[in-house]
Amino acid sequence: MLINVLFMQRGSHPAPLFGASIPPTGLPLVGKIPMPAARPSPAETSRSGAVIIPRTPGEIITDIQRELLRRGYYEGPVDGFYGPKTDAAIREFEHLAALKASAEPSETLLQSMRQASPTLSRLSTAQGSSARTSEPAQEQTAPAARVVAMQRALSEYGYGQIRATGVVDADTQRAIEKFELDRNLPVTRQYSERLARELAALTGRALD
């Protein structure tokens, strides 16, 4: 029998007494079970691979309010809330800019505002002309002494290094714009009696 096993038997025995264990049916013979790929997060991914987190509606509305305020369409607070004043300002801007009325504030609307022509940075011509007509003649052209006092007040309260020349130059216009934005005033970049009253309230003395 031993001679038969060692020398005479060819191939494996049909019923060996000892043999390699057979793995359970259904499992792979080699390697591990592959794990499912991780799902991407809800945040968007840019081409460079950086994760871009979408902004909240309040943040978008805040930037829209700032842009409308800068262009002179909005006079309310920059608070990120979509109220009647914000809605009216958006509709007026869209009408004058020949934009399609938007259903709600969005990044697309904000970009359209930022890319709009600089000529849309003022209130409509009819409103501006009626306002100028209603003002007394002495208020349309500010006396040089008042402009000097305005420049000194703006410089004193940190709105720029302004030379008190009595002329509303580019530096003075930038300082006026910063002050108007801080006080939630229509952005005009020019001297006005309203600006003088606001400065007087801030400094505690009239601009003489």
N, C-alpha and C. Protein backbone atom coordinates (compact mmCIF):
# COMPACT_ATOMS: atom_id res chain seq x y z
N MET A 1 0.82 -1.20 0.00
CA MET A 1 0.00 0.00 0.00
C MET A 1 0.86 1.26 0.00
N LEU A 2 1.96 1.21 0.79
CA LEU A 2 2.87 2.37 0.84
C LEU A 2 3.53 2.57 -0.50
N ILE A 3 3.93 1.46 -1.17
CA ILE A 3 4.56 1.55 -2.49
C ILE A 3 3.57 2.12 -3.47
N ASN A 4 2.30 1.73 -3.35
CA ASN A 4 1.27 2.25 -4.26
C ASN A 4 1.10 3.75 -4.11
N VAL A 5 1.13 4.21 -2.85
CA VAL A 5 0.94 5.64 -2.59
C VAL A 5 2.12 6.45 -3.09
N LEU A 6 3.37 5.94 -2.83
CA LEU A 6 4.56 6.72 -3.16
C LEU A 6 4.93 6.65 -4.62
N PHE A 7 4.75 5.48 -5.26
CA PHE A 7 5.32 5.32 -6.59
C PHE A 7 4.27 5.05 -7.65
N MET A 8 3.20 4.38 -7.31
CA MET A 8 2.28 3.94 -8.33
C MET A 8 1.12 4.91 -8.56
N GLN A 9 0.76 5.73 -7.55
CA GLN A 9 -0.40 6.63 -7.67
C GLN A 9 -0.03 7.86 -8.51
N ARG A 10 -0.80 8.18 -9.51
CA ARG A 10 -0.60 9.38 -10.34
C ARG A 10 -1.77 10.36 -10.07
N GLY A 11 -1.42 11.58 -9.75
CA GLY A 11 -2.43 12.58 -9.46
C GLY A 11 -2.91 12.51 -8.03
N SER A 12 -3.85 13.34 -7.69
CA SER A 12 -4.34 13.40 -6.31
C SER A 12 -5.40 12.35 -6.10
N HIS A 13 -5.47 11.89 -4.85
CA HIS A 13 -6.44 10.86 -4.49
C HIS A 13 -7.84 11.45 -4.54
N PRO A 14 -8.80 10.72 -5.08
CA PRO A 14 -10.16 11.27 -5.16
C PRO A 14 -10.78 11.53 -3.80
N ALA A 15 -10.32 10.89 -2.75
CA ALA A 15 -10.86 11.10 -1.41
C ALA A 15 -9.73 11.14 -0.42
N PRO A 16 -8.92 12.20 -0.40
CA PRO A 16 -7.75 12.24 0.49
C PRO A 16 -8.20 12.33 1.94
N LEU A 17 -7.37 11.77 2.80
CA LEU A 17 -7.66 11.83 4.23
C LEU A 17 -7.33 13.21 4.78
N PHE A 18 -6.28 13.84 4.25
CA PHE A 18 -5.87 15.16 4.71
C PHE A 18 -5.80 16.08 3.50
N GLY A 19 -6.20 17.32 3.64
CA GLY A 19 -6.12 18.26 2.52
C GLY A 19 -6.30 19.69 3.01
N ALA A 20 -6.08 20.62 2.10
CA ALA A 20 -6.23 22.04 2.44
C ALA A 20 -7.69 22.36 2.67
N SER A 21 -7.93 23.20 3.62
CA SER A 21 -9.31 23.59 3.90
C SER A 21 -9.86 24.45 2.77
N ILE A 22 -11.13 24.27 2.49
CA ILE A 22 -11.78 25.00 1.40
C ILE A 22 -12.49 26.21 2.00
N PRO A 23 -12.25 27.39 1.50
CA PRO A 23 -12.90 28.58 2.07
C PRO A 23 -14.39 28.53 1.83
N PRO A 24 -15.13 29.18 2.71
CA PRO A 24 -16.60 29.18 2.55
C PRO A 24 -17.01 29.75 1.20
N THR A 25 -18.12 29.20 0.68
CA THR A 25 -18.61 29.64 -0.63
C THR A 25 -19.02 31.11 -0.57
N GLY A 26 -18.68 31.87 -1.61
CA GLY A 26 -19.10 33.27 -1.70
C GLY A 26 -18.03 34.25 -1.29
N LEU A 27 -16.96 33.84 -0.61
CA LEU A 27 -15.91 34.75 -0.21
C LEU A 27 -14.77 34.70 -1.21
N PRO A 28 -14.09 35.79 -1.45
CA PRO A 28 -12.96 35.78 -2.39
C PRO A 28 -11.81 34.97 -1.81
N LEU A 29 -11.07 34.32 -2.72
CA LEU A 29 -9.97 33.48 -2.28
C LEU A 29 -8.79 34.31 -1.81
N VAL A 30 -8.56 35.45 -2.42
CA VAL A 30 -7.38 36.25 -2.10
C VAL A 30 -7.84 37.68 -1.86
N GLY A 31 -7.24 38.38 -0.89
CA GLY A 31 -7.51 39.80 -0.67
C GLY A 31 -8.67 40.02 0.27
N LYS A 32 -9.03 41.32 0.46
CA LYS A 32 -10.09 41.70 1.37
C LYS A 32 -11.32 42.17 0.59
N ILE A 33 -12.43 42.23 1.29
CA ILE A 33 -13.66 42.71 0.67
C ILE A 33 -13.52 44.21 0.41
N PRO A 34 -13.72 44.69 -0.83
CA PRO A 34 -13.56 46.13 -1.11
C PRO A 34 -14.61 46.95 -0.40
N MET A 35 -14.18 48.10 0.17
CA MET A 35 -15.07 49.01 0.87
C MET A 35 -15.64 50.03 -0.11
N PRO A 36 -16.89 50.47 0.08
CA PRO A 36 -17.47 51.48 -0.82
C PRO A 36 -16.76 52.82 -0.69
N ALA A 37 -16.68 53.56 -1.81
CA ALA A 37 -15.99 54.85 -1.80
C ALA A 37 -16.78 55.85 -0.97
N ALA A 38 -16.05 56.74 -0.29
CA ALA A 38 -16.70 57.75 0.54
C ALA A 38 -17.43 58.76 -0.33
N ARG A 39 -18.62 59.16 0.10
CA ARG A 39 -19.39 60.14 -0.64
C ARG A 39 -18.84 61.55 -0.42
N PRO A 40 -18.88 62.38 -1.45
CA PRO A 40 -18.38 63.75 -1.25
C PRO A 40 -19.29 64.52 -0.31
N SER A 41 -18.73 65.50 0.38
CA SER A 41 -19.51 66.33 1.31
C SER A 41 -20.41 67.27 0.53
N PRO A 42 -21.43 67.83 1.20
CA PRO A 42 -22.34 68.74 0.49
C PRO A 42 -21.66 70.00 -0.01
N ALA A 43 -20.54 70.40 0.60
CA ALA A 43 -19.85 71.61 0.16
C ALA A 43 -19.30 71.43 -1.24
N GLU A 44 -19.28 72.52 -2.03
CA GLU A 44 -18.77 72.48 -3.38
C GLU A 44 -17.24 72.43 -3.36
N THR A 45 -16.68 71.94 -4.46
CA THR A 45 -15.24 71.86 -4.57
C THR A 45 -14.79 72.61 -5.81
N SER A 46 -13.80 73.48 -5.65
CA SER A 46 -13.31 74.25 -6.79
C SER A 46 -12.36 73.42 -7.63
N ARG A 47 -11.96 73.96 -8.77
CA ARG A 47 -11.04 73.23 -9.65
C ARG A 47 -9.70 72.98 -8.99
N SER A 48 -9.30 73.88 -8.10
CA SER A 48 -8.01 73.72 -7.43
C SER A 48 -8.09 72.71 -6.30
N GLY A 49 -9.30 72.23 -5.98
CA GLY A 49 -9.45 71.26 -4.92
C GLY A 49 -9.88 71.86 -3.60
N ALA A 50 -9.95 73.19 -3.49
CA ALA A 50 -10.35 73.83 -2.25
C ALA A 50 -11.85 73.71 -2.05
N VAL A 51 -12.25 73.49 -0.82
CA VAL A 51 -13.67 73.35 -0.51
C VAL A 51 -14.30 74.74 -0.41
N ILE A 52 -15.42 74.94 -1.11
CA ILE A 52 -16.13 76.22 -1.11
C ILE A 52 -17.45 76.02 -0.37
N ILE A 53 -17.62 76.70 0.75
CA ILE A 53 -18.85 76.59 1.52
C ILE A 53 -19.83 77.65 1.04
N PRO A 54 -21.02 77.28 0.59
CA PRO A 54 -22.00 78.26 0.11
C PRO A 54 -22.36 79.27 1.19
N ARG A 55 -22.57 80.53 0.80
CA ARG A 55 -22.90 81.57 1.75
C ARG A 55 -24.38 81.51 2.13
N THR A 56 -24.68 82.01 3.30
CA THR A 56 -26.05 82.02 3.78
C THR A 56 -26.82 83.14 3.08
N PRO A 57 -28.17 83.03 3.01
CA PRO A 57 -28.97 84.12 2.41
C PRO A 57 -28.74 85.45 3.11
N GLY A 58 -28.55 85.43 4.44
CA GLY A 58 -28.32 86.68 5.16
C GLY A 58 -27.05 87.38 4.73
N GLU A 59 -25.99 86.62 4.46
CA GLU A 59 -24.73 87.21 4.00
C GLU A 59 -24.89 87.83 2.61
N ILE A 60 -25.63 87.15 1.74
CA ILE A 60 -25.86 87.68 0.39
C ILE A 60 -26.68 88.96 0.46
N ILE A 61 -27.74 88.97 1.27
CA ILE A 61 -28.59 90.16 1.40
C ILE A 61 -27.79 91.32 1.97
N THR A 62 -26.90 91.05 2.92
CA THR A 62 -26.08 92.11 3.50
C THR A 62 -25.22 92.78 2.43
N ASP A 63 -24.59 91.99 1.57
CA ASP A 63 -23.76 92.57 0.50
C ASP A 63 -24.62 93.33 -0.51
N ILE A 64 -25.82 92.82 -0.80
CA ILE A 64 -26.72 93.54 -1.72
C ILE A 64 -27.13 94.88 -1.12
N GLN A 65 -27.44 94.89 0.18
CA GLN A 65 -27.80 96.15 0.84
C GLN A 65 -26.64 97.15 0.79
N ARG A 66 -25.42 96.65 1.00
CA ARG A 66 -24.25 97.54 0.93
C ARG A 66 -24.11 98.14 -0.46
N GLU A 67 -24.29 97.32 -1.49
CA GLU A 67 -24.15 97.81 -2.86
C GLU A 67 -25.25 98.81 -3.18
N LEU A 68 -26.48 98.53 -2.77
CA LEU A 68 -27.58 99.47 -3.00
C LEU A 68 -27.36 100.77 -2.24
N LEU A 69 -26.82 100.67 -1.03
CA LEU A 69 -26.54 101.86 -0.23
C LEU A 69 -25.44 102.68 -0.88
N ARG A 70 -24.43 102.00 -1.38
CA ARG A 70 -23.32 102.71 -2.03
C ARG A 70 -23.78 103.44 -3.27
N ARG A 71 -24.76 102.88 -3.98
CA ARG A 71 -25.24 103.50 -5.21
C ARG A 71 -26.39 104.48 -4.97
N GLY A 72 -26.85 104.59 -3.72
CA GLY A 72 -27.85 105.59 -3.41
C GLY A 72 -29.29 105.15 -3.54
N TYR A 73 -29.54 103.83 -3.60
CA TYR A 73 -30.91 103.33 -3.76
C TYR A 73 -31.54 102.92 -2.43
N TYR A 74 -30.75 102.73 -1.42
CA TYR A 74 -31.24 102.14 -0.18
C TYR A 74 -30.85 103.03 0.99
N GLU A 75 -31.79 103.24 1.92
CA GLU A 75 -31.53 104.11 3.06
C GLU A 75 -31.72 103.39 4.40
N GLY A 76 -31.99 102.09 4.37
CA GLY A 76 -32.23 101.35 5.60
C GLY A 76 -30.95 100.81 6.20
N PRO A 77 -31.08 100.04 7.27
CA PRO A 77 -29.91 99.44 7.93
C PRO A 77 -29.35 98.27 7.13
N VAL A 78 -28.05 98.07 7.22
CA VAL A 78 -27.40 96.92 6.58
C VAL A 78 -27.42 95.79 7.60
N ASP A 79 -28.52 95.02 7.60
CA ASP A 79 -28.72 94.02 8.64
C ASP A 79 -28.92 92.60 8.11
N GLY A 80 -28.94 92.43 6.78
CA GLY A 80 -29.11 91.09 6.23
C GLY A 80 -30.55 90.60 6.20
N PHE A 81 -31.52 91.47 6.52
CA PHE A 81 -32.93 91.09 6.49
C PHE A 81 -33.60 91.66 5.24
N TYR A 82 -34.40 90.83 4.59
CA TYR A 82 -35.05 91.23 3.35
C TYR A 82 -36.41 91.86 3.68
N GLY A 83 -36.39 93.17 3.93
CA GLY A 83 -37.61 93.88 4.26
C GLY A 83 -38.15 94.68 3.09
N PRO A 84 -39.21 95.48 3.33
CA PRO A 84 -39.82 96.26 2.24
C PRO A 84 -38.86 97.26 1.61
N LYS A 85 -37.99 97.89 2.42
CA LYS A 85 -37.06 98.86 1.86
C LYS A 85 -36.05 98.18 0.94
N THR A 86 -35.55 97.03 1.36
CA THR A 86 -34.60 96.29 0.53
C THR A 86 -35.26 95.86 -0.77
N ASP A 87 -36.48 95.35 -0.68
CA ASP A 87 -37.20 94.89 -1.87
C ASP A 87 -37.45 96.05 -2.84
N ALA A 88 -37.88 97.20 -2.30
CA ALA A 88 -38.15 98.36 -3.16
C ALA A 88 -36.87 98.85 -3.84
N ALA A 89 -35.76 98.84 -3.11
CA ALA A 89 -34.49 99.30 -3.68
C ALA A 89 -34.03 98.36 -4.79
N ILE A 90 -34.19 97.05 -4.57
CA ILE A 90 -33.79 96.07 -5.59
C ILE A 90 -34.64 96.25 -6.85
N ARG A 91 -35.96 96.42 -6.69
CA ARG A 91 -36.84 96.58 -7.85
C ARG A 91 -36.51 97.84 -8.63
N GLU A 92 -36.20 98.93 -7.90
CA GLU A 92 -35.87 100.18 -8.58
C GLU A 92 -34.57 100.04 -9.37
N PHE A 93 -33.58 99.39 -8.75
CA PHE A 93 -32.30 99.21 -9.45
C PHE A 93 -32.48 98.32 -10.68
N GLU A 94 -33.20 97.21 -10.53
CA GLU A 94 -33.41 96.30 -11.66
C GLU A 94 -34.14 97.02 -12.79
N HIS A 95 -35.10 97.87 -12.46
CA HIS A 95 -35.84 98.60 -13.50
C HIS A 95 -34.92 99.56 -14.25
N LEU A 96 -34.12 100.34 -13.52
CA LEU A 96 -33.24 101.31 -14.17
C LEU A 96 -32.09 100.64 -14.91
N ALA A 97 -31.66 99.46 -14.43
CA ALA A 97 -30.57 98.74 -15.08
C ALA A 97 -31.05 97.80 -16.16
N ALA A 98 -32.37 97.77 -16.42
CA ALA A 98 -32.97 96.90 -17.43
C ALA A 98 -32.64 95.42 -17.16
N LEU A 99 -32.70 95.04 -15.88
CA LEU A 99 -32.47 93.65 -15.49
C LEU A 99 -33.81 92.94 -15.31
N LYS A 100 -33.81 91.65 -15.53
CA LYS A 100 -35.01 90.85 -15.31
C LYS A 100 -35.28 90.78 -13.82
N ALA A 101 -36.53 90.99 -13.44
CA ALA A 101 -36.89 90.97 -12.02
C ALA A 101 -36.55 89.61 -11.41
N SER A 102 -35.82 89.62 -10.32
CA SER A 102 -35.39 88.39 -9.67
C SER A 102 -36.44 87.94 -8.67
N ALA A 103 -36.51 86.63 -8.48
CA ALA A 103 -37.47 86.07 -7.53
C ALA A 103 -37.01 86.29 -6.09
N GLU A 104 -35.71 86.27 -5.87
CA GLU A 104 -35.16 86.44 -4.53
C GLU A 104 -33.71 86.89 -4.64
N PRO A 105 -33.15 87.48 -3.59
CA PRO A 105 -31.74 87.90 -3.64
C PRO A 105 -30.83 86.70 -3.87
N SER A 106 -29.82 86.90 -4.70
CA SER A 106 -28.91 85.80 -5.04
C SER A 106 -27.54 86.35 -5.37
N GLU A 107 -26.58 85.44 -5.48
CA GLU A 107 -25.22 85.83 -5.88
C GLU A 107 -25.22 86.41 -7.29
N THR A 108 -26.09 85.88 -8.17
CA THR A 108 -26.18 86.40 -9.54
C THR A 108 -26.63 87.85 -9.55
N LEU A 109 -27.63 88.18 -8.73
CA LEU A 109 -28.10 89.56 -8.64
C LEU A 109 -27.01 90.47 -8.10
N LEU A 110 -26.29 90.01 -7.09
CA LEU A 110 -25.20 90.81 -6.51
C LEU A 110 -24.12 91.10 -7.55
N GLN A 111 -23.73 90.09 -8.33
CA GLN A 111 -22.72 90.29 -9.36
C GLN A 111 -23.21 91.26 -10.43
N SER A 112 -24.50 91.18 -10.79
CA SER A 112 -25.05 92.11 -11.77
C SER A 112 -24.99 93.54 -11.27
N MET A 113 -25.23 93.73 -9.98
CA MET A 113 -25.15 95.07 -9.40
C MET A 113 -23.71 95.59 -9.43
N ARG A 114 -22.77 94.73 -9.06
CA ARG A 114 -21.37 95.15 -9.01
C ARG A 114 -20.81 95.44 -10.40
N GLN A 115 -21.35 94.77 -11.41
CA GLN A 115 -20.85 94.96 -12.78
C GLN A 115 -21.65 96.01 -13.56
N ALA A 116 -22.65 96.60 -12.92
CA ALA A 116 -23.48 97.59 -13.61
C ALA A 116 -22.70 98.87 -13.88
N SER A 117 -23.18 99.64 -14.83
CA SER A 117 -22.52 100.88 -15.22
C SER A 117 -22.43 101.85 -14.06
N PRO A 118 -21.32 102.60 -13.94
CA PRO A 118 -21.19 103.60 -12.88
C PRO A 118 -22.26 104.68 -12.96
N THR A 119 -22.87 104.88 -14.12
CA THR A 119 -23.91 105.90 -14.25
C THR A 119 -25.15 105.54 -13.44
N LEU A 120 -25.25 104.29 -12.99
CA LEU A 120 -26.38 103.88 -12.17
C LEU A 120 -26.10 104.04 -10.68
N SER A 121 -25.05 104.78 -10.34
CA SER A 121 -24.67 104.96 -8.95
C SER A 121 -25.37 106.13 -8.29
N ARG A 122 -26.35 106.69 -8.94
CA ARG A 122 -27.11 107.80 -8.38
C ARG A 122 -28.59 107.46 -8.49
N LEU A 123 -29.41 108.20 -7.77
CA LEU A 123 -30.85 108.06 -7.92
C LEU A 123 -31.24 108.55 -9.30
N SER A 124 -32.46 108.25 -9.73
CA SER A 124 -32.89 108.61 -11.07
C SER A 124 -32.79 110.11 -11.29
N THR A 125 -32.67 110.51 -12.55
CA THR A 125 -32.52 111.92 -12.90
C THR A 125 -33.70 112.74 -12.42
N ALA A 126 -34.89 112.17 -12.52
CA ALA A 126 -36.08 112.90 -12.10
C ALA A 126 -36.05 113.18 -10.61
N GLN A 127 -35.64 112.17 -9.82
CA GLN A 127 -35.58 112.37 -8.38
C GLN A 127 -34.51 113.38 -8.02
N GLY A 128 -33.36 113.29 -8.70
CA GLY A 128 -32.27 114.20 -8.39
C GLY A 128 -32.62 115.63 -8.74
N SER A 129 -33.27 115.83 -9.89
CA SER A 129 -33.61 117.18 -10.32
C SER A 129 -34.67 117.78 -9.42
N SER A 130 -35.65 116.96 -8.99
CA SER A 130 -36.68 117.48 -8.10
C SER A 130 -36.12 117.84 -6.75
N ALA A 131 -35.14 117.04 -6.27
CA ALA A 131 -34.52 117.35 -4.98
C ALA A 131 -33.74 118.65 -5.06
N ARG A 132 -33.01 118.84 -6.17
CA ARG A 132 -32.23 120.08 -6.32
C ARG A 132 -33.16 121.27 -6.44
N THR A 133 -34.31 121.10 -7.10
CA THR A 133 -35.25 122.21 -7.26
C THR A 133 -35.85 122.62 -5.93
N SER A 134 -36.07 121.65 -5.04
CA SER A 134 -36.70 121.95 -3.76
C SER A 134 -35.73 122.58 -2.77
N GLU A 135 -34.41 122.46 -3.00
CA GLU A 135 -33.45 123.03 -2.09
C GLU A 135 -33.31 124.53 -2.32
N PRO A 136 -33.11 125.30 -1.24
CA PRO A 136 -32.81 126.72 -1.42
C PRO A 136 -31.52 126.90 -2.20
N ALA A 137 -31.42 128.02 -2.85
CA ALA A 137 -30.26 128.27 -3.71
C ALA A 137 -28.97 128.26 -2.90
N GLN A 138 -29.00 128.75 -1.65
CA GLN A 138 -27.77 128.82 -0.89
C GLN A 138 -27.28 127.45 -0.46
N GLU A 139 -28.20 126.39 -0.50
CA GLU A 139 -27.78 125.06 -0.10
C GLU A 139 -27.17 124.28 -1.27
N GLN A 140 -27.42 124.70 -2.51
CA GLN A 140 -26.89 123.97 -3.65
C GLN A 140 -25.39 124.21 -3.79
N THR A 141 -24.93 125.36 -3.43
CA THR A 141 -23.51 125.67 -3.48
C THR A 141 -23.06 125.97 -2.07
N ALA A 142 -22.25 125.07 -1.49
CA ALA A 142 -21.84 125.22 -0.11
C ALA A 142 -20.79 126.32 0.00
N PRO A 143 -20.91 127.21 1.01
CA PRO A 143 -19.86 128.21 1.24
C PRO A 143 -18.55 127.53 1.56
N ALA A 144 -17.46 128.15 1.16
CA ALA A 144 -16.14 127.56 1.38
C ALA A 144 -15.86 127.37 2.86
N ALA A 145 -16.37 128.29 3.71
CA ALA A 145 -16.12 128.17 5.14
C ALA A 145 -16.75 126.91 5.71
N ARG A 146 -17.94 126.57 5.25
CA ARG A 146 -18.60 125.35 5.73
C ARG A 146 -17.89 124.10 5.23
N VAL A 147 -17.41 124.14 3.99
CA VAL A 147 -16.66 123.00 3.47
C VAL A 147 -15.39 122.78 4.28
N VAL A 148 -14.73 123.88 4.64
CA VAL A 148 -13.52 123.78 5.47
C VAL A 148 -13.87 123.14 6.81
N ALA A 149 -14.97 123.61 7.44
CA ALA A 149 -15.37 123.05 8.73
C ALA A 149 -15.72 121.57 8.59
N MET A 150 -16.38 121.20 7.48
CA MET A 150 -16.72 119.80 7.23
C MET A 150 -15.46 118.96 7.08
N GLN A 151 -14.49 119.47 6.33
CA GLN A 151 -13.24 118.73 6.12
C GLN A 151 -12.50 118.53 7.43
N ARG A 152 -12.48 119.55 8.26
CA ARG A 152 -11.79 119.43 9.55
C ARG A 152 -12.49 118.41 10.45
N ALA A 153 -13.84 118.42 10.43
CA ALA A 153 -14.58 117.47 11.27
C ALA A 153 -14.37 116.03 10.79
N LEU A 154 -14.41 115.81 9.48
CA LEU A 154 -14.19 114.47 8.95
C LEU A 154 -12.79 113.97 9.27
N SER A 155 -11.81 114.84 9.14
CA SER A 155 -10.42 114.46 9.44
C SER A 155 -10.25 114.18 10.92
N GLU A 156 -10.90 115.00 11.75
CA GLU A 156 -10.77 114.84 13.21
C GLU A 156 -11.33 113.52 13.69
N TYR A 157 -12.39 113.04 13.04
CA TYR A 157 -13.04 111.81 13.48
C TYR A 157 -12.60 110.59 12.65
N GLY A 158 -11.46 110.70 12.00
CA GLY A 158 -10.84 109.52 11.40
C GLY A 158 -11.35 109.11 10.04
N TYR A 159 -11.89 110.04 9.27
CA TYR A 159 -12.40 109.69 7.94
C TYR A 159 -11.41 110.04 6.82
N GLY A 160 -10.16 110.22 7.18
CA GLY A 160 -9.13 110.45 6.17
C GLY A 160 -8.28 111.66 6.50
N GLN A 161 -7.10 111.69 5.91
CA GLN A 161 -6.22 112.84 6.05
C GLN A 161 -6.61 113.86 4.99
N ILE A 162 -7.47 114.78 5.37
CA ILE A 162 -8.04 115.72 4.42
C ILE A 162 -7.45 117.11 4.66
N ARG A 163 -7.08 117.75 3.59
CA ARG A 163 -6.61 119.14 3.68
C ARG A 163 -7.82 120.07 3.65
N ALA A 164 -7.89 120.97 4.61
CA ALA A 164 -9.02 121.91 4.71
C ALA A 164 -8.83 123.03 3.70
N THR A 165 -9.23 122.79 2.47
CA THR A 165 -9.03 123.76 1.38
C THR A 165 -10.31 124.48 0.99
N GLY A 166 -11.46 123.98 1.45
CA GLY A 166 -12.72 124.57 1.04
C GLY A 166 -13.23 124.04 -0.28
N VAL A 167 -12.52 123.08 -0.87
CA VAL A 167 -12.90 122.48 -2.15
C VAL A 167 -13.19 121.00 -1.92
N VAL A 168 -14.31 120.52 -2.44
CA VAL A 168 -14.67 119.11 -2.30
C VAL A 168 -13.90 118.31 -3.34
N ASP A 169 -12.67 117.93 -2.98
CA ASP A 169 -11.83 117.19 -3.91
C ASP A 169 -12.06 115.69 -3.74
N ALA A 170 -11.21 114.89 -4.41
CA ALA A 170 -11.40 113.42 -4.39
C ALA A 170 -11.25 112.85 -2.99
N ASP A 171 -10.26 113.33 -2.22
CA ASP A 171 -10.08 112.83 -0.85
C ASP A 171 -11.29 113.18 0.01
N THR A 172 -11.82 114.37 -0.16
CA THR A 172 -13.01 114.77 0.60
C THR A 172 -14.21 113.93 0.22
N GLN A 173 -14.37 113.63 -1.07
CA GLN A 173 -15.49 112.80 -1.51
C GLN A 173 -15.43 111.40 -0.91
N ARG A 174 -14.21 110.83 -0.86
CA ARG A 174 -14.07 109.50 -0.26
C ARG A 174 -14.41 109.54 1.23
N ALA A 175 -13.99 110.60 1.91
CA ALA A 175 -14.30 110.72 3.34
C ALA A 175 -15.80 110.88 3.56
N ILE A 176 -16.45 111.69 2.71
CA ILE A 176 -17.90 111.87 2.83
C ILE A 176 -18.62 110.53 2.61
N GLU A 177 -18.16 109.76 1.63
CA GLU A 177 -18.81 108.46 1.35
C GLU A 177 -18.70 107.53 2.55
N LYS A 178 -17.52 107.47 3.19
CA LYS A 178 -17.35 106.62 4.37
C LYS A 178 -18.30 107.07 5.48
N PHE A 179 -18.39 108.37 5.69
CA PHE A 179 -19.27 108.90 6.73
C PHE A 179 -20.73 108.57 6.42
N GLU A 180 -21.14 108.74 5.17
CA GLU A 180 -22.52 108.46 4.78
C GLU A 180 -22.86 106.98 4.98
N LEU A 181 -21.93 106.10 4.65
CA LEU A 181 -22.17 104.67 4.85
C LEU A 181 -22.29 104.33 6.33
N ASP A 182 -21.43 104.93 7.15
CA ASP A 182 -21.48 104.67 8.59
C ASP A 182 -22.78 105.15 9.21
N ARG A 183 -23.34 106.23 8.68
CA ARG A 183 -24.56 106.82 9.25
C ARG A 183 -25.83 106.40 8.50
N ASN A 184 -25.67 105.42 7.58
CA ASN A 184 -26.82 104.93 6.79
C ASN A 184 -27.51 106.06 6.03
N LEU A 185 -26.71 106.93 5.42
CA LEU A 185 -27.23 108.02 4.60
C LEU A 185 -27.11 107.66 3.13
N PRO A 186 -27.91 108.26 2.27
CA PRO A 186 -27.72 108.07 0.83
C PRO A 186 -26.32 108.53 0.43
N VAL A 187 -25.65 107.74 -0.38
CA VAL A 187 -24.27 108.06 -0.77
C VAL A 187 -24.30 109.11 -1.88
N THR A 188 -23.81 110.31 -1.56
CA THR A 188 -23.76 111.41 -2.53
C THR A 188 -22.34 111.87 -2.81
N ARG A 189 -21.43 111.68 -1.80
CA ARG A 189 -20.03 112.13 -1.91
C ARG A 189 -19.93 113.65 -2.06
N GLN A 190 -20.98 114.37 -1.70
CA GLN A 190 -20.98 115.83 -1.83
C GLN A 190 -21.47 116.46 -0.53
N TYR A 191 -21.14 117.75 -0.36
CA TYR A 191 -21.63 118.49 0.80
C TYR A 191 -23.13 118.71 0.66
N SER A 192 -23.84 118.59 1.78
CA SER A 192 -25.28 118.89 1.82
C SER A 192 -25.62 119.34 3.22
N GLU A 193 -26.80 119.95 3.35
CA GLU A 193 -27.24 120.38 4.67
C GLU A 193 -27.50 119.20 5.59
N ARG A 194 -27.95 118.10 5.01
CA ARG A 194 -28.16 116.91 5.83
C ARG A 194 -26.84 116.38 6.36
N LEU A 195 -25.82 116.40 5.51
CA LEU A 195 -24.50 115.98 5.95
C LEU A 195 -24.00 116.90 7.05
N ALA A 196 -24.22 118.20 6.89
CA ALA A 196 -23.80 119.16 7.91
C ALA A 196 -24.49 118.90 9.24
N ARG A 197 -25.80 118.57 9.19
CA ARG A 197 -26.52 118.30 10.43
C ARG A 197 -26.01 117.04 11.11
N GLU A 198 -25.71 116.02 10.32
CA GLU A 198 -25.19 114.77 10.89
C GLU A 198 -23.82 114.99 11.53
N LEU A 199 -22.97 115.77 10.86
CA LEU A 199 -21.65 116.07 11.42
C LEU A 199 -21.78 116.91 12.69
N ALA A 200 -22.74 117.84 12.69
CA ALA A 200 -22.95 118.66 13.88
C ALA A 200 -23.42 117.81 15.05
N ALA A 201 -24.27 116.80 14.76
CA ALA A 201 -24.73 115.90 15.82
C ALA A 201 -23.58 115.05 16.36
N LEU A 202 -22.63 114.70 15.47
CA LEU A 202 -21.49 113.88 15.87
C LEU A 202 -20.49 114.69 16.71
N THR A 203 -20.22 115.89 16.27
CA THR A 203 -19.20 116.71 16.93
C THR A 203 -19.76 117.52 18.09
N GLY A 204 -21.07 117.74 18.08
CA GLY A 204 -21.67 118.55 19.13
C GLY A 204 -21.59 120.04 18.88
N ARG A 205 -21.22 120.42 17.67
CA ARG A 205 -21.15 121.84 17.33
C ARG A 205 -21.51 122.02 15.87
N ALA A 206 -22.08 123.16 15.54
CA ALA A 206 -22.48 123.44 14.18
C ALA A 206 -21.27 123.73 13.30
N LEU A 207 -21.44 123.47 11.99
CA LEU A 207 -20.36 123.74 11.04
C LEU A 207 -20.44 125.21 10.63
N ASP A 208 -19.65 126.05 11.30
CA ASP A 208 -19.65 127.50 10.99
C ASP A 208 -18.33 127.88 10.31
